[in-house]
Amino acid sequence: MLCFNIIYTRIIQFILKKSELRKLISDYTLLKIKSKKHNVTAQLKEIKHRYFHETGRIISDDIN
């Protein structure tokens, strides 16, 4: 039973991480659209940094 709990929590953590990455990508695309009217460079930089830290990849490469 203990082994099942460990595996289950790792699966749940992976799913949460995947959803967090989707949220980062959606926030990034919305801010890119908004950047034409407002200055959101600091927020974009923070999202790029968080995405790179989590995945090791650049967010703009993954979107395109």
PDB file of N, CA and C in Angstrom:
ATOM      1  N   MET A   1       0.822  -1.192   0.000  1.00  0.00           N
ATOM      2  CA  MET A   1       0.000   0.000   0.000  1.00  0.00           C
ATOM      3  C   MET A   1       0.866   1.256   0.000  1.00  0.00           C
ATOM      4  N   LEU A   2       1.960   1.226   0.733  1.00  0.00           N
ATOM      5  CA  LEU A   2       2.851   2.378   0.795  1.00  0.00           C
ATOM      6  C   LEU A   2       3.459   2.666  -0.571  1.00  0.00           C
ATOM      7  N   CYS A   3       3.842   1.615  -1.282  1.00  0.00           N
ATOM      8  CA  CYS A   3       4.411   1.777  -2.622  1.00  0.00           C
ATOM      9  C   CYS A   3       3.393   2.413  -3.563  1.00  0.00           C
ATOM     10  N   PHE A   4       2.138   1.995  -3.466  1.00  0.00           N
ATOM     11  CA  PHE A   4       1.086   2.569  -4.300  1.00  0.00           C
ATOM     12  C   PHE A   4       0.925   4.059  -4.017  1.00  0.00           C
ATOM     13  N   ASN A   5       0.961   4.443  -2.742  1.00  0.00           N
ATOM     14  CA  ASN A   5       0.814   5.855  -2.374  1.00  0.00           C
ATOM     15  C   ASN A   5       1.947   6.701  -2.935  1.00  0.00           C
ATOM     16  N   ILE A   6       3.156   6.187  -2.903  1.00  0.00           N
ATOM     17  CA  ILE A   6       4.303   6.926  -3.433  1.00  0.00           C
ATOM     18  C   ILE A   6       4.159   7.108  -4.937  1.00  0.00           C
ATOM     19  N   ILE A   7       3.806   6.046  -5.638  1.00  0.00           N
ATOM     20  CA  ILE A   7       3.629   6.133  -7.094  1.00  0.00           C
ATOM     21  C   ILE A   7       2.482   7.066  -7.432  1.00  0.00           C
ATOM     22  N   TYR A   8       1.379   6.973  -6.694  1.00  0.00           N
ATOM     23  CA  TYR A   8       0.213   7.813  -6.947  1.00  0.00           C
ATOM     24  C   TYR A   8       0.544   9.289  -6.741  1.00  0.00           C
ATOM     25  N   THR A   9       1.274   9.610  -5.680  1.00  0.00           N
ATOM     26  CA  THR A   9       1.616  11.018  -5.438  1.00  0.00           C
ATOM     27  C   THR A   9       2.555  11.542  -6.508  1.00  0.00           C
ATOM     28  N   ARG A  10       3.447  10.715  -7.005  1.00  0.00           N
ATOM     29  CA  ARG A  10       4.331  11.161  -8.086  1.00  0.00           C
ATOM     30  C   ARG A  10       3.549  11.423  -9.362  1.00  0.00           C
ATOM     31  N   ILE A  11       2.552  10.595  -9.649  1.00  0.00           N
ATOM     32  CA  ILE A  11       1.711  10.812 -10.831  1.00  0.00           C
ATOM     33  C   ILE A  11       0.930  12.100 -10.672  1.00  0.00           C
ATOM     34  N   ILE A  12       0.358  12.329  -9.498  1.00  0.00           N
ATOM     35  CA  ILE A  12      -0.409  13.553  -9.243  1.00  0.00           C
ATOM     36  C   ILE A  12       0.494  14.776  -9.371  1.00  0.00           C
ATOM     37  N   GLN A  13       1.709  14.715  -8.845  1.00  0.00           N
ATOM     38  CA  GLN A  13       2.632  15.840  -8.960  1.00  0.00           C
ATOM     39  C   GLN A  13       2.963  16.106 -10.418  1.00  0.00           C
ATOM     40  N   PHE A  14       3.119  15.075 -11.226  1.00  0.00           N
ATOM     41  CA  PHE A  14       3.421  15.248 -12.639  1.00  0.00           C
ATOM     42  C   PHE A  14       2.257  15.910 -13.356  1.00  0.00           C
ATOM     43  N   ILE A  15       1.030  15.491 -13.035  1.00  0.00           N
ATOM     44  CA  ILE A  15      -0.151  16.088 -13.657  1.00  0.00           C
ATOM     45  C   ILE A  15      -0.251  17.556 -13.281  1.00  0.00           C
ATOM     46  N   LEU A  16      -0.019  17.883 -12.022  1.00  0.00           N
ATOM     47  CA  LEU A  16      -0.071  19.274 -11.598  1.00  0.00           C
ATOM     48  C   LEU A  16       0.993  20.085 -12.315  1.00  0.00           C
ATOM     49  N   LYS A  17       2.154  19.511 -12.468  1.00  0.00           N
ATOM     50  CA  LYS A  17       3.223  20.218 -13.148  1.00  0.00           C
ATOM     51  C   LYS A  17       2.842  20.486 -14.605  1.00  0.00           C
ATOM     52  N   LYS A  18       2.211  19.512 -15.239  1.00  0.00           N
ATOM     53  CA  LYS A  18       1.788  19.672 -16.619  1.00  0.00           C
ATOM     54  C   LYS A  18       0.754  20.785 -16.745  1.00  0.00           C
ATOM     55  N   SER A  19      -0.174  20.839 -15.799  1.00  0.00           N
ATOM     56  CA  SER A  19      -1.199  21.883 -15.843  1.00  0.00           C
ATOM     57  C   SER A  19      -0.589  23.250 -15.559  1.00  0.00           C
ATOM     58  N   GLU A  20       0.406  23.289 -14.692  1.00  0.00           N
ATOM     59  CA  GLU A  20       1.087  24.558 -14.421  1.00  0.00           C
ATOM     60  C   GLU A  20       1.815  25.048 -15.669  1.00  0.00           C
ATOM     61  N   LEU A  21       2.410  24.134 -16.415  1.00  0.00           N
ATOM     62  CA  LEU A  21       3.092  24.518 -17.650  1.00  0.00           C
ATOM     63  C   LEU A  21       2.098  25.035 -18.679  1.00  0.00           C
ATOM     64  N   ARG A  22       0.941  24.394 -18.759  1.00  0.00           N
ATOM     65  CA  ARG A  22      -0.099  24.895 -19.668  1.00  0.00           C
ATOM     66  C   ARG A  22      -0.533  26.299 -19.271  1.00  0.00           C
ATOM     67  N   LYS A  23      -0.646  26.540 -17.977  1.00  0.00           N
ATOM     68  CA  LYS A  23      -1.037  27.864 -17.482  1.00  0.00           C
ATOM     69  C   LYS A  23       0.031  28.893 -17.841  1.00  0.00           C
ATOM     70  N   LEU A  24       1.301  28.537 -17.686  1.00  0.00           N
ATOM     71  CA  LEU A  24       2.382  29.453 -18.055  1.00  0.00           C
ATOM     72  C   LEU A  24       2.319  29.798 -19.537  1.00  0.00           C
ATOM     73  N   ILE A  25       2.079  28.804 -20.376  1.00  0.00           N
ATOM     74  CA  ILE A  25       2.007  29.044 -21.818  1.00  0.00           C
ATOM     75  C   ILE A  25       0.829  29.942 -22.154  1.00  0.00           C
ATOM     76  N   SER A  26      -0.316  29.705 -21.533  1.00  0.00           N
ATOM     77  CA  SER A  26      -1.478  30.553 -21.826  1.00  0.00           C
ATOM     78  C   SER A  26      -1.256  31.974 -21.331  1.00  0.00           C
ATOM     79  N   ASP A  27      -0.642  32.125 -20.147  1.00  0.00           N
ATOM     80  CA  ASP A  27      -0.328  33.472 -19.648  1.00  0.00           C
ATOM     81  C   ASP A  27       0.638  34.187 -20.580  1.00  0.00           C
ATOM     82  N   TYR A  28       1.621  33.449 -21.080  1.00  0.00           N
ATOM     83  CA  TYR A  28       2.612  34.038 -21.978  1.00  0.00           C
ATOM     84  C   TYR A  28       1.958  34.542 -23.264  1.00  0.00           C
ATOM     85  N   THR A  29       1.098  33.727 -23.851  1.00  0.00           N
ATOM     86  CA  THR A  29       0.463  34.144 -25.104  1.00  0.00           C
ATOM     87  C   THR A  29      -0.465  35.335 -24.887  1.00  0.00           C
ATOM     88  N   LEU A  30      -1.191  35.355 -23.768  1.00  0.00           N
ATOM     89  CA  LEU A  30      -2.058  36.498 -23.477  1.00  0.00           C
ATOM     90  C   LEU A  30      -1.246  37.773 -23.258  1.00  0.00           C
ATOM     91  N   LEU A  31      -0.130  37.650 -22.565  1.00  0.00           N
ATOM     92  CA  LEU A  31       0.713  38.826 -22.335  1.00  0.00           C
ATOM     93  C   LEU A  31       1.367  39.311 -23.621  1.00  0.00           C
ATOM     94  N   LYS A  32       1.694  38.393 -24.517  1.00  0.00           N
ATOM     95  CA  LYS A  32       2.261  38.806 -25.806  1.00  0.00           C
ATOM     96  C   LYS A  32       1.256  39.642 -26.583  1.00  0.00           C
ATOM     97  N   ILE A  33      -0.009  39.255 -26.541  1.00  0.00           N
ATOM     98  CA  ILE A  33      -1.055  40.029 -27.207  1.00  0.00           C
ATOM     99  C   ILE A  33      -1.219  41.384 -26.524  1.00  0.00           C
ATOM    100  N   LYS A  34      -1.195  41.376 -25.207  1.00  0.00           N
ATOM    101  CA  LYS A  34      -1.388  42.597 -24.431  1.00  0.00           C
ATOM    102  C   LYS A  34      -0.190  43.542 -24.547  1.00  0.00           C
ATOM    103  N   SER A  35       0.981  43.014 -24.882  1.00  0.00           N
ATOM    104  CA  SER A  35       2.209  43.809 -24.889  1.00  0.00           C
ATOM    105  C   SER A  35       2.194  44.915 -25.935  1.00  0.00           C
ATOM    106  N   LYS A  36       1.306  44.821 -26.898  1.00  0.00           N
ATOM    107  CA  LYS A  36       1.236  45.863 -27.914  1.00  0.00           C
ATOM    108  C   LYS A  36       0.656  47.151 -27.346  1.00  0.00           C
ATOM    109  N   LYS A  37      -0.147  47.041 -26.283  1.00  0.00           N
ATOM    110  CA  LYS A  37      -0.776  48.218 -25.693  1.00  0.00           C
ATOM    111  C   LYS A  37      -0.181  48.607 -24.342  1.00  0.00           C
ATOM    112  N   HIS A  38       0.402  47.653 -23.624  1.00  0.00           N
ATOM    113  CA  HIS A  38       0.916  47.905 -22.281  1.00  0.00           C
ATOM    114  C   HIS A  38       2.344  47.384 -22.167  1.00  0.00           C
ATOM    115  N   ASN A  39       3.054  47.879 -21.168  1.00  0.00           N
ATOM    116  CA  ASN A  39       4.415  47.419 -20.920  1.00  0.00           C
ATOM    117  C   ASN A  39       4.361  46.228 -19.958  1.00  0.00           C
ATOM    118  N   VAL A  40       4.557  45.049 -20.481  1.00  0.00           N
ATOM    119  CA  VAL A  40       4.496  43.826 -19.680  1.00  0.00           C
ATOM    120  C   VAL A  40       5.803  43.035 -19.786  1.00  0.00           C
ATOM    121  N   THR A  41       6.897  43.705 -20.076  1.00  0.00           N
ATOM    122  CA  THR A  41       8.166  43.004 -20.287  1.00  0.00           C
ATOM    123  C   THR A  41       8.641  42.288 -19.032  1.00  0.00           C
ATOM    124  N   ALA A  42       8.430  42.874 -17.861  1.00  0.00           N
ATOM    125  CA  ALA A  42       8.869  42.229 -16.623  1.00  0.00           C
ATOM    126  C   ALA A  42       8.103  40.927 -16.391  1.00  0.00           C
ATOM    127  N   GLN A  43       6.808  40.945 -16.646  1.00  0.00           N
ATOM    128  CA  GLN A  43       6.002  39.738 -16.468  1.00  0.00           C
ATOM    129  C   GLN A  43       6.386  38.671 -17.490  1.00  0.00           C
ATOM    130  N   LEU A  44       6.637  39.077 -18.730  1.00  0.00           N
ATOM    131  CA  LEU A  44       7.058  38.120 -19.756  1.00  0.00           C
ATOM    132  C   LEU A  44       8.398  37.492 -19.397  1.00  0.00           C
ATOM    133  N   LYS A  45       9.306  38.304 -18.892  1.00  0.00           N
ATOM    134  CA  LYS A  45      10.625  37.806 -18.512  1.00  0.00           C
ATOM    135  C   LYS A  45      10.509  36.786 -17.379  1.00  0.00           C
ATOM    136  N   GLU A  46       9.631  37.063 -16.414  1.00  0.00           N
ATOM    137  CA  GLU A  46       9.437  36.141 -15.303  1.00  0.00           C
ATOM    138  C   GLU A  46       8.851  34.812 -15.780  1.00  0.00           C
ATOM    139  N   ILE A  47       7.884  34.864 -16.689  1.00  0.00           N
ATOM    140  CA  ILE A  47       7.284  33.636 -17.221  1.00  0.00           C
ATOM    141  C   ILE A  47       8.311  32.842 -18.019  1.00  0.00           C
ATOM    142  N   LYS A  48       9.111  33.523 -18.840  1.00  0.00           N
ATOM    143  CA  LYS A  48      10.158  32.838 -19.605  1.00  0.00           C
ATOM    144  C   LYS A  48      11.136  32.137 -18.673  1.00  0.00           C
ATOM    145  N   HIS A  49      11.518  32.826 -17.596  1.00  0.00           N
ATOM    146  CA  HIS A  49      12.466  32.261 -16.639  1.00  0.00           C
ATOM    147  C   HIS A  49      11.874  31.034 -15.943  1.00  0.00           C
ATOM    148  N   ARG A  50      10.624  31.140 -15.494  1.00  0.00           N
ATOM    149  CA  ARG A  50       9.978  30.018 -14.809  1.00  0.00           C
ATOM    150  C   ARG A  50       9.833  28.813 -15.740  1.00  0.00           C
ATOM    151  N   TYR A  51       9.448  29.054 -16.991  1.00  0.00           N
ATOM    152  CA  TYR A  51       9.278  27.963 -17.952  1.00  0.00           C
ATOM    153  C   TYR A  51      10.621  27.286 -18.231  1.00  0.00           C
ATOM    154  N   PHE A  52      11.663  28.091 -18.413  1.00  0.00           N
ATOM    155  CA  PHE A  52      12.986  27.518 -18.671  1.00  0.00           C
ATOM    156  C   PHE A  52      13.472  26.732 -17.463  1.00  0.00           C
ATOM    157  N   HIS A  53      13.217  27.240 -16.263  1.00  0.00           N
ATOM    158  CA  HIS A  53      13.641  26.563 -15.047  1.00  0.00           C
ATOM    159  C   HIS A  53      12.933  25.214 -14.895  1.00  0.00           C
ATOM    160  N   GLU A  54      11.657  25.154 -15.259  1.00  0.00           N
ATOM    161  CA  GLU A  54      10.888  23.917 -15.122  1.00  0.00           C
ATOM    162  C   GLU A  54      11.212  22.892 -16.207  1.00  0.00           C
ATOM    163  N   THR A  55      11.412  23.353 -17.448  1.00  0.00           N
ATOM    164  CA  THR A  55      11.535  22.406 -18.557  1.00  0.00           C
ATOM    165  C   THR A  55      12.930  22.326 -19.156  1.00  0.00           C
ATOM    166  N   GLY A  56      13.704  23.398 -19.040  1.00  0.00           N
ATOM    167  CA  GLY A  56      15.001  23.434 -19.695  1.00  0.00           C
ATOM    168  C   GLY A  56      14.893  23.848 -21.150  1.00  0.00           C
ATOM    169  N   ARG A  57      13.700  24.264 -21.555  1.00  0.00           N
ATOM    170  CA  ARG A  57      13.464  24.694 -22.934  1.00  0.00           C
ATOM    171  C   ARG A  57      12.983  26.138 -22.941  1.00  0.00           C
ATOM    172  N   ILE A  58      13.081  26.768 -24.104  1.00  0.00           N
ATOM    173  CA  ILE A  58      12.637  28.152 -24.256  1.00  0.00           C
ATOM    174  C   ILE A  58      11.170  28.141 -24.671  1.00  0.00           C
ATOM    175  N   ILE A  59      10.368  28.964 -24.008  1.00  0.00           N
ATOM    176  CA  ILE A  59       8.919  28.943 -24.218  1.00  0.00           C
ATOM    177  C   ILE A  59       8.538  29.354 -25.636  1.00  0.00           C
ATOM    178  N   SER A  60       9.232  30.317 -26.197  1.00  0.00           N
ATOM    179  CA  SER A  60       8.876  30.771 -27.545  1.00  0.00           C
ATOM    180  C   SER A  60       9.136  29.681 -28.587  1.00  0.00           C
ATOM    181  N   ASP A  61      10.139  28.837 -28.355  1.00  0.00           N
ATOM    182  CA  ASP A  61      10.395  27.719 -29.269  1.00  0.00           C
ATOM    183  C   ASP A  61       9.298  26.660 -29.178  1.00  0.00           C
ATOM    184  N   ASP A  62       8.790  26.433 -27.976  1.00  0.00           N
ATOM    185  CA  ASP A  62       7.750  25.421 -27.794  1.00  0.00           C
ATOM    186  C   ASP A  62       6.401  25.873 -28.329  1.00  0.00           C
ATOM    187  N   ILE A  63       6.144  27.171 -28.320  1.00  0.00           N
ATOM    188  CA  ILE A  63       4.865  27.674 -28.815  1.00  0.00           C
ATOM    189  C   ILE A  63       4.833  27.642 -30.331  1.00  0.00           C
ATOM    190  N   ASN A  64       5.909  28.032 -30.958  1.00  0.00           N
ATOM    191  CA  ASN A  64       5.940  28.088 -32.431  1.00  0.00           C
ATOM    192  C   ASN A  64       6.146  26.763 -33.042  1.00  0.00           C
TER     193      ASN A  64
END
